[in-house]
């Protein structure tokens, strides 16, 4: 099994900075264990889909 983003060490991050940028550029998932965000579900150990921006906006009453 490939290493998930959750398991990356500081050295992994330094060596793979371009790959990291691609993974986190438009996050659609967040890890429920460590709160890392990513665009690819399988790159996180416990992924949970992030709600879309439209569904998180609240209308003002009034």
N, C-alpha and C. Protein backbone atom coordinates (compact mmCIF):
# COMPACT_ATOMS: atom_id res chain seq x y z
N UNK A 1 0.84 -1.19 0.00
CA UNK A 1 0.00 0.00 0.00
C UNK A 1 0.88 1.24 0.00
N UNK A 2 0.53 2.21 -0.81
CA UNK A 2 1.29 3.45 -0.89
C UNK A 2 1.09 4.28 0.37
N UNK A 3 2.06 5.09 0.67
CA UNK A 3 2.01 5.98 1.82
C UNK A 3 0.96 7.06 1.58
N UNK A 4 0.11 7.31 2.55
CA UNK A 4 -0.88 8.39 2.42
C UNK A 4 -0.25 9.72 2.78
N UNK A 5 -0.89 10.78 2.37
CA UNK A 5 -0.42 12.12 2.70
C UNK A 5 -0.33 12.29 4.21
N UNK A 6 -1.19 11.63 4.93
CA UNK A 6 -1.20 11.69 6.39
C UNK A 6 0.10 11.16 7.00
N UNK A 7 0.75 10.26 6.28
CA UNK A 7 1.98 9.65 6.78
C UNK A 7 3.26 10.33 6.30
N UNK A 8 3.14 11.37 5.48
CA UNK A 8 4.33 12.03 4.96
C UNK A 8 5.11 12.69 6.10
N UNK A 9 6.41 12.52 6.05
CA UNK A 9 7.30 13.16 7.02
C UNK A 9 7.73 14.53 6.46
N UNK A 10 8.43 15.28 7.24
CA UNK A 10 8.94 16.57 6.78
C UNK A 10 9.84 16.37 5.56
N UNK A 11 10.64 15.31 5.56
CA UNK A 11 11.52 15.02 4.42
C UNK A 11 10.70 14.66 3.18
N UNK A 12 9.62 13.89 3.36
CA UNK A 12 8.75 13.54 2.23
C UNK A 12 8.18 14.81 1.60
N UNK A 13 7.76 15.73 2.43
CA UNK A 13 7.19 16.99 1.96
C UNK A 13 8.23 17.77 1.17
N UNK A 14 9.43 17.88 1.71
CA UNK A 14 10.50 18.61 1.03
C UNK A 14 10.85 17.98 -0.31
N UNK A 15 10.88 16.65 -0.37
CA UNK A 15 11.25 15.95 -1.60
C UNK A 15 10.15 15.97 -2.66
N UNK A 16 8.91 16.11 -2.23
CA UNK A 16 7.76 16.00 -3.14
C UNK A 16 6.88 17.25 -3.13
N UNK A 17 7.48 18.41 -3.03
CA UNK A 17 6.72 19.65 -2.89
C UNK A 17 5.78 19.91 -4.08
N UNK A 18 6.20 19.57 -5.29
CA UNK A 18 5.34 19.77 -6.46
C UNK A 18 4.13 18.84 -6.42
N UNK A 19 4.35 17.61 -6.02
CA UNK A 19 3.25 16.66 -5.89
C UNK A 19 2.29 17.11 -4.79
N UNK A 20 2.84 17.61 -3.69
CA UNK A 20 2.03 18.10 -2.59
C UNK A 20 1.13 19.25 -3.05
N UNK A 21 1.70 20.16 -3.81
CA UNK A 21 0.92 21.29 -4.30
C UNK A 21 -0.27 20.81 -5.13
N UNK A 22 -0.05 19.85 -6.00
CA UNK A 22 -1.12 19.31 -6.83
C UNK A 22 -2.19 18.63 -5.97
N UNK A 23 -1.78 17.95 -4.92
CA UNK A 23 -2.72 17.24 -4.05
C UNK A 23 -3.60 18.17 -3.23
N UNK A 24 -3.07 19.32 -2.84
CA UNK A 24 -3.81 20.21 -1.94
C UNK A 24 -4.39 21.45 -2.61
N UNK A 25 -4.17 21.58 -3.91
CA UNK A 25 -4.59 22.79 -4.60
C UNK A 25 -6.11 23.03 -4.55
N UNK A 26 -6.89 22.02 -4.78
CA UNK A 26 -8.36 22.14 -4.74
C UNK A 26 -8.92 20.99 -3.90
N UNK A 27 -8.79 21.09 -2.60
CA UNK A 27 -9.19 19.97 -1.74
C UNK A 27 -10.68 19.66 -1.79
N UNK A 28 -10.99 18.38 -1.86
CA UNK A 28 -12.37 17.90 -1.82
C UNK A 28 -12.60 17.00 -0.61
N UNK A 29 -11.50 16.61 0.05
CA UNK A 29 -11.57 15.69 1.19
C UNK A 29 -10.69 16.20 2.32
N UNK A 30 -11.02 15.80 3.53
CA UNK A 30 -10.22 16.10 4.70
C UNK A 30 -10.07 14.81 5.49
N UNK A 31 -8.92 14.62 6.10
CA UNK A 31 -8.70 13.44 6.93
C UNK A 31 -9.35 13.69 8.30
N UNK A 32 -10.18 12.76 8.72
CA UNK A 32 -10.86 12.92 10.00
C UNK A 32 -9.94 12.66 11.18
N UNK A 33 -8.74 12.15 10.92
CA UNK A 33 -7.78 11.88 11.99
C UNK A 33 -6.83 13.06 12.20
N UNK A 34 -6.27 13.60 11.10
CA UNK A 34 -5.22 14.62 11.25
C UNK A 34 -5.57 15.97 10.61
N UNK A 35 -6.73 16.05 9.95
CA UNK A 35 -7.25 17.28 9.34
C UNK A 35 -6.47 17.76 8.12
N UNK A 36 -5.67 16.91 7.51
CA UNK A 36 -5.04 17.29 6.25
C UNK A 36 -6.10 17.29 5.16
N UNK A 37 -5.99 18.22 4.21
CA UNK A 37 -6.95 18.32 3.12
C UNK A 37 -6.29 17.93 1.81
N UNK A 38 -7.08 17.33 0.90
CA UNK A 38 -6.52 16.81 -0.33
C UNK A 38 -7.60 16.70 -1.41
N UNK A 39 -7.15 16.70 -2.67
CA UNK A 39 -8.10 16.56 -3.78
C UNK A 39 -8.35 15.11 -4.15
N UNK A 40 -7.56 14.17 -3.64
CA UNK A 40 -7.70 12.75 -3.97
C UNK A 40 -8.02 11.96 -2.70
N UNK A 41 -9.15 11.31 -2.72
CA UNK A 41 -9.64 10.57 -1.55
C UNK A 41 -8.64 9.53 -1.03
N UNK A 42 -8.08 8.74 -1.94
CA UNK A 42 -7.20 7.64 -1.53
C UNK A 42 -5.85 8.11 -0.98
N UNK A 43 -5.56 9.41 -1.07
CA UNK A 43 -4.30 9.95 -0.56
C UNK A 43 -4.37 10.25 0.94
N UNK A 44 -5.55 10.07 1.55
CA UNK A 44 -5.73 10.32 2.98
C UNK A 44 -6.08 9.01 3.68
N UNK A 45 -5.72 8.88 4.96
CA UNK A 45 -5.98 7.62 5.66
C UNK A 45 -7.44 7.49 6.12
N UNK A 46 -8.08 8.60 6.47
CA UNK A 46 -9.50 8.57 6.90
C UNK A 46 -10.25 9.72 6.24
N UNK A 47 -10.44 9.63 4.91
CA UNK A 47 -11.04 10.75 4.18
C UNK A 47 -12.53 10.95 4.45
N UNK A 48 -12.91 12.21 4.50
CA UNK A 48 -14.30 12.61 4.63
C UNK A 48 -14.50 13.72 3.60
N UNK A 49 -15.56 13.63 2.81
CA UNK A 49 -15.82 14.65 1.79
C UNK A 49 -16.11 16.00 2.45
N UNK A 50 -15.51 17.04 1.89
CA UNK A 50 -15.80 18.39 2.35
C UNK A 50 -17.10 18.86 1.70
N UNK A 51 -17.92 19.57 2.41
CA UNK A 51 -19.12 20.10 1.78
C UNK A 51 -18.72 21.15 0.74
N UNK A 52 -19.50 21.30 -0.29
CA UNK A 52 -19.18 22.30 -1.32
C UNK A 52 -19.32 23.70 -0.72
N UNK A 53 -18.67 24.67 -1.34
CA UNK A 53 -18.71 26.04 -0.86
C UNK A 53 -20.14 26.58 -0.87
N UNK A 54 -20.93 26.18 -1.87
CA UNK A 54 -22.32 26.64 -1.96
C UNK A 54 -23.15 26.19 -0.76
N UNK A 55 -22.92 24.95 -0.31
CA UNK A 55 -23.73 24.43 0.79
C UNK A 55 -23.30 24.94 2.16
N UNK A 56 -22.16 25.61 2.25
CA UNK A 56 -21.69 26.11 3.55
C UNK A 56 -22.02 27.59 3.76
N UNK A 57 -22.52 28.28 2.72
CA UNK A 57 -22.86 29.69 2.87
C UNK A 57 -24.23 29.81 3.53
N UNK A 58 -24.33 30.72 4.45
CA UNK A 58 -25.58 30.95 5.16
C UNK A 58 -26.21 32.25 4.66
N UNK A 59 -27.51 32.23 4.50
CA UNK A 59 -28.23 33.44 4.09
C UNK A 59 -28.53 34.29 5.32
N UNK A 60 -28.44 35.59 5.14
CA UNK A 60 -28.80 36.51 6.23
C UNK A 60 -30.30 36.65 6.28
N UNK A 61 -30.82 36.64 7.47
CA UNK A 61 -32.27 36.85 7.65
C UNK A 61 -32.58 38.32 7.46
N UNK A 62 -33.68 38.56 6.82
CA UNK A 62 -34.08 39.81 6.77
C UNK A 62 -34.32 40.89 6.00
